Every structure is written in structure tokens, then in C-alpha cells.
Amino acid sequence: MPRLLLIEDDIRQGKMLEEFFGSSGVSLFLCVTGADGIAKLKRDDFDALILDIGLSDMDGFEVCRRVRTFSGIPILMLTARGEETDRIIGLELGADDYLPKPFNPRELLARIKAILRRGRVIDENRESVMKFGGLEISPDERVARLQGGRLDLTGFQFDILHALAKTAGRVMSRDALMDELAGHELDGYDRRIDVHISRIRAKIEHDPKQPERILTVRGVGYVFSRVQK
């Protein structure tokens, strides 16, 4: 059952939405101030946040700004204001959708369900961070880190490293590696791969002249070692 947090200082409307969402199989928890809502988000897990702009202690923009400093939770903002600039500000601060008041609770539920579906699709398509000892490769961020420090890799170098890491423990021929890099302009005799592997080694190996992470298999290609420090 999805768990939603509603930050809304209109208690009557909040209770009405709690009842409506509950009858639809969705748990909705109400906080009537921005401060209480932020504190509850830090304590508990929720699938989405419904946030009213017009709160008594701070406006919804400030709540959204603060939430985005510690959470990527989907946010739908409720506003009684008709100004387009207010909607734009909310989206720029990190809101995922907005709904002007007055609204039909069915539309609010439909919009929340659409946000949750999009989130599930993103999660299903997201590649996990690959960890090899102190080396981490994040395909979605297109970032590699060594002992927590971000490596200064070009896009081409990251693609080479990622392609090798996906087949860790298995020899990858130069032809197979070039197939993986099909989006780059290469030809059958392109030696840039070898040059860039040397540069990658300079950034990820303890001793680039005696590599332990990317090993050369003479006459065949390269193998990315599974066992790394």
C-alpha cells in the first residue's frame, strides 16, 4: 500500500483527503505545518509528498526547498494561486507536478498514481552502482569514483571502463569492445582504445605499469579483474 504525506494546514480538507485516499487503498498521513512535515519526512518513509503552498508557518516553496536538501521524494504541490510564475517556481525548486485549488480528489489521486508509476519505471531502468573494492562505477550518473574521490574521465573513457566492468572476469576482445562503443566514431584499426585504456589505468591503478584492474591478454584484448583492492 503506498504511503503518502500531506502537508496542509486546512485540517478539514486534510481529513477529507485522508478518508478518500484510505478508501482507495492508499495511506495518507497529515501534517498541518511545514516544520512538522519536514520532521516527519526525516523520520519515516513515504512514497510521495502532497504539499500545499499556503501554509501557516512557512510557504510550500520553502518546504520544497528544504525537502530537496535531503530527499528525492516525488512532490505534488497544491496551490490556490493562479499565477503561472508560482507553478514555475515550484517546478524549478524540484516539484514533480502541481494541482490548483479547488480540485477533484479523484484527479489528485490519479496524478499521484501517475507520479508513482513514473518512479517505478525509472527504478526498473536504473543500473546499480558497480563496486570493485575501492572503485565504484555509477552508470546512471556516468561517474566513477576511487576511494570516494571522483575520477576525471572523459565520456569516451567512462564508456570503455563501463564496458569492461560489465564483463568483469571475462576476456573482452578489441572487436567486442569496439561494438560496445558503436556510438563513437571508430574504425577497425582505431588505436584510440589502447591509448585511452592507458590513460584510464593511470587514474585507477596503483601502478599503471603493473595493472591489477584492467589486464591485457596479448593478441586477444582486455579483462577487467573482479578481485580488486
Protein backbone atom coordinates (compact mmCIF):
# COMPACT_ATOMS: atom_id res chain seq x y z
CA MET A 1 0.00 0.00 0.00
CA PRO A 2 1.50 3.40 -0.99
CA ARG A 3 2.30 5.75 1.88
CA LEU A 4 1.77 9.46 1.23
CA LEU A 5 2.43 12.51 3.37
CA LEU A 6 0.13 15.52 3.07
CA ILE A 7 1.32 18.89 4.43
CA GLU A 8 -1.83 21.00 4.56
CA ASP A 9 -2.96 23.49 7.22
CA ASP A 10 -6.65 23.14 6.29
CA ILE A 11 -7.44 20.33 8.74
CA ARG A 12 -10.96 19.81 7.37
CA GLN A 13 -9.67 19.25 3.84
CA GLY A 14 -6.79 17.13 5.12
CA LYS A 15 -9.13 14.79 6.99
CA MET A 16 -11.40 14.54 3.95
CA LEU A 17 -8.43 13.52 1.78
CA GLU A 18 -7.24 11.03 4.42
CA GLU A 19 -10.64 9.32 4.26
CA PHE A 20 -10.85 9.40 0.46
CA PHE A 21 -7.34 8.04 -0.09
CA GLY A 22 -7.86 5.38 2.57
CA SER A 23 -10.98 4.12 0.80
CA SER A 24 -8.85 3.86 -2.37
CA GLY A 25 -6.19 1.69 -0.73
CA VAL A 26 -3.67 4.48 -0.13
CA SER A 27 -2.35 5.51 3.29
CA LEU A 28 -2.31 9.29 3.71
CA PHE A 29 -0.73 10.97 6.75
CA LEU A 30 -1.49 14.60 7.57
CA CYS A 31 0.82 17.29 8.97
CA VAL A 32 -0.56 20.80 9.39
CA THR A 33 2.72 22.75 9.45
CA GLY A 34 5.76 22.75 7.22
CA ALA A 35 8.10 22.16 10.15
CA ASP A 36 6.18 19.09 11.34
CA GLY A 37 6.03 17.74 7.79
CA ILE A 38 9.78 18.10 7.27
CA ALA A 39 10.48 16.40 10.60
CA LYS A 40 8.14 13.51 9.74
CA LEU A 41 9.78 13.06 6.33
CA LYS A 42 13.15 12.73 8.06
CA ARG A 43 11.79 10.12 10.49
CA ASP A 44 9.55 7.96 8.29
CA ASP A 45 9.48 6.56 4.75
CA PHE A 46 6.89 7.82 2.28
CA ASP A 47 6.33 7.20 -1.42
CA ALA A 48 5.23 10.75 -2.29
CA LEU A 49 4.55 14.16 -0.74
CA ILE A 50 1.47 16.32 -1.34
CA LEU A 51 2.42 19.86 -0.37
CA ASP A 52 0.17 22.90 -0.03
CA ILE A 53 1.84 26.20 -0.91
CA GLY A 54 -0.17 28.31 1.56
CA LEU A 55 0.97 27.07 4.99
CA SER A 56 0.83 28.99 8.26
CA ASP A 57 4.46 28.71 9.40
CA MET A 58 6.30 28.79 6.05
CA ASP A 59 5.22 28.67 2.43
CA GLY A 60 5.31 25.48 0.41
CA PHE A 61 8.21 26.80 -1.68
CA GLU A 62 10.42 26.91 1.40
CA VAL A 63 9.28 23.44 2.46
CA CYS A 64 10.06 22.10 -1.02
CA ARG A 65 13.48 23.76 -0.96
CA ARG A 66 14.32 22.20 2.41
CA VAL A 67 13.00 18.76 1.50
CA ARG A 68 15.14 18.68 -1.63
CA THR A 69 18.26 19.08 0.52
CA PHE A 70 17.78 15.59 1.97
CA SER A 71 15.20 13.70 -0.11
CA GLY A 72 14.32 12.96 -3.71
CA ILE A 73 10.73 12.02 -2.81
CA PRO A 74 8.16 12.86 -5.56
CA ILE A 75 6.35 16.11 -4.70
CA LEU A 76 2.97 17.35 -5.92
CA MET A 77 2.20 20.92 -4.94
CA LEU A 78 -1.30 22.24 -4.24
CA THR A 79 -1.93 25.91 -4.86
CA ALA A 80 -4.87 28.27 -4.74
CA ARG A 81 -2.84 30.76 -6.75
CA GLY A 82 -3.43 31.11 -10.45
CA GLU A 83 -0.15 32.78 -11.27
CA GLU A 84 1.90 30.82 -13.78
CA THR A 85 5.10 32.08 -12.15
CA ASP A 86 4.16 30.32 -8.89
CA ARG A 87 3.77 27.00 -10.71
CA ILE A 88 7.10 27.51 -12.50
CA ILE A 89 8.86 28.32 -9.22
CA GLY A 90 7.53 25.12 -7.66
CA LEU A 91 8.74 23.01 -10.56
CA GLU A 92 12.13 24.74 -10.58
CA LEU A 93 12.52 24.01 -6.87
CA GLY A 94 12.07 20.30 -7.53
CA ALA A 95 8.32 19.63 -7.50
CA ASP A 96 7.19 16.90 -9.89
CA ASP A 97 3.65 18.16 -10.52
CA TYR A 98 1.12 20.71 -9.30
CA LEU A 99 -2.64 20.93 -8.95
CA PRO A 100 -4.56 24.20 -8.47
CA LYS A 101 -7.33 24.51 -5.88
CA PRO A 102 -10.18 23.74 -5.87
CA PHE A 103 -9.57 20.25 -7.20
CA ASN A 104 -11.34 16.93 -7.50
CA PRO A 105 -9.84 14.34 -5.11
CA ARG A 106 -10.06 11.79 -7.91
CA GLU A 107 -7.78 13.91 -10.08
CA LEU A 108 -5.32 14.30 -7.20
CA LEU A 109 -5.26 10.53 -6.71
CA ALA A 110 -4.81 9.97 -10.45
CA ARG A 111 -1.89 12.40 -10.59
CA ILE A 112 -0.21 10.78 -7.59
CA LYS A 113 -0.58 7.33 -9.14
CA ALA A 114 0.95 8.64 -12.39
CA ILE A 115 3.93 10.05 -10.46
CA LEU A 116 4.43 6.73 -8.67
CA ARG A 117 4.25 4.81 -11.97
CA ARG A 118 6.92 7.04 -13.50
CA GLY A 119 9.10 6.47 -10.46
CA ARG A 120 8.76 2.70 -10.80
CA VAL A 121 9.75 2.83 -14.47
CA ILE A 122 12.84 4.87 -13.60
CA ASP A 123 13.77 2.42 -10.83
CA GLU A 124 13.37 -0.56 -13.16
CA ASN A 125 15.62 1.06 -15.77
CA ARG A 126 18.23 2.27 -13.32
CA GLU A 127 21.54 0.43 -13.33
CA SER A 128 23.07 -0.41 -9.98
CA VAL A 129 26.36 1.11 -8.89
CA MET A 130 29.15 -1.36 -9.69
CA LYS A 131 31.66 -1.82 -6.88
CA PHE A 132 35.13 -3.32 -7.20
CA GLY A 133 36.99 -2.76 -3.97
CA GLY A 134 37.62 0.97 -3.69
CA LEU A 135 36.48 1.58 -7.27
CA GLU A 136 32.81 2.45 -7.89
CA ILE A 137 31.21 2.89 -11.30
CA SER A 138 27.78 4.55 -11.49
CA PRO A 139 26.24 4.07 -14.97
CA ASP A 140 23.30 6.39 -14.34
CA GLU A 141 25.49 9.25 -13.12
CA ARG A 142 28.19 8.35 -15.67
CA VAL A 143 30.68 8.80 -12.86
CA ALA A 144 33.49 6.62 -11.49
CA ARG A 145 34.99 7.08 -8.03
CA LEU A 146 38.13 5.71 -6.45
CA GLN A 147 38.23 5.61 -2.64
CA GLY A 148 35.31 8.07 -2.70
CA GLY A 149 37.02 10.60 -4.96
CA ARG A 150 35.52 11.34 -8.36
CA LEU A 151 37.73 10.36 -11.29
CA ASP A 152 38.33 12.85 -14.08
CA LEU A 153 37.31 10.66 -17.03
CA THR A 154 36.17 11.76 -20.47
CA GLY A 155 32.88 10.38 -21.76
CA PHE A 156 34.76 8.02 -24.06
CA GLN A 157 36.96 6.78 -21.21
CA PHE A 158 33.93 6.20 -18.98
CA ASP A 159 32.26 4.15 -21.72
CA ILE A 160 35.38 1.99 -22.07
CA LEU A 161 35.60 1.45 -18.32
CA HIS A 162 31.88 0.66 -18.05
CA ALA A 163 32.01 -1.79 -20.97
CA LEU A 164 34.92 -3.67 -19.42
CA ALA A 165 33.38 -3.69 -15.94
CA LYS A 166 30.12 -5.21 -17.26
CA THR A 167 32.09 -8.27 -18.38
CA ALA A 168 34.36 -8.39 -15.32
CA GLY A 169 36.29 -11.65 -15.14
CA ARG A 170 35.87 -12.42 -18.85
CA VAL A 171 38.24 -11.50 -21.64
CA MET A 172 36.81 -8.85 -23.94
CA SER A 173 38.30 -8.68 -27.42
CA ARG A 174 39.05 -5.35 -29.05
CA ASP A 175 36.33 -6.07 -31.62
CA ALA A 176 33.75 -6.69 -28.90
CA LEU A 177 34.83 -3.55 -27.09
CA MET A 178 34.52 -1.53 -30.29
CA ASP A 179 31.00 -2.91 -30.78
CA GLU A 180 30.12 -1.61 -27.29
CA LEU A 181 31.46 1.79 -28.30
CA ALA A 182 29.46 1.90 -31.52
CA GLY A 183 28.15 5.37 -30.70
CA HIS A 184 31.66 6.75 -31.07
CA GLU A 185 33.40 7.24 -34.40
CA LEU A 186 35.82 4.31 -34.68
CA ASP A 187 37.27 2.16 -37.40
CA GLY A 188 38.65 -1.36 -37.31
CA TYR A 189 42.20 -0.16 -36.78
CA ASP A 190 41.44 2.63 -34.32
CA ARG A 191 44.15 2.60 -31.63
CA ARG A 192 42.45 5.24 -29.50
CA ILE A 193 41.04 2.46 -27.33
CA ASP A 194 44.55 1.36 -26.35
CA VAL A 195 45.60 4.96 -25.72
CA HIS A 196 42.57 5.65 -23.55
CA ILE A 197 42.96 2.42 -21.62
CA SER A 198 46.47 3.58 -20.76
CA ARG A 199 45.02 6.87 -19.53
CA ILE A 200 42.31 5.08 -17.54
CA ARG A 201 44.95 2.89 -15.93
CA ALA A 202 46.85 6.00 -14.91
CA LYS A 203 43.79 7.05 -12.93
CA ILE A 204 42.62 3.76 -11.40
CA GLU A 205 45.75 1.63 -10.96
CA HIS A 206 48.15 1.73 -8.01
CA ASP A 207 50.95 1.16 -10.53
CA PRO A 208 49.86 1.72 -14.16
CA LYS A 209 52.93 -0.16 -15.40
CA GLN A 210 51.80 -3.25 -13.48
CA PRO A 211 48.00 -3.03 -13.73
CA GLU A 212 45.75 -5.04 -11.42
CA ARG A 213 42.35 -3.79 -12.56
CA ILE A 214 42.49 -3.77 -16.38
CA LEU A 215 44.73 -6.58 -17.63
CA THR A 216 45.95 -7.10 -21.19
CA VAL A 217 45.54 -10.51 -22.80
CA ARG A 218 48.06 -10.41 -25.61
CA GLY A 219 46.63 -10.96 -29.04
CA VAL A 220 43.07 -11.04 -27.70
CA GLY A 221 42.02 -7.96 -25.75
CA TYR A 222 41.45 -6.98 -22.15
CA VAL A 223 39.97 -8.41 -18.97
CA PHE A 224 38.62 -6.40 -16.05
CA SER A 225 39.59 -8.10 -12.79
CA ARG A 226 36.78 -8.99 -10.38
CA VAL A 227 39.13 -9.04 -7.40
CA GLN A 228 40.36 -5.55 -6.62
CA LYS A 229 41.59 -3.62 -3.62
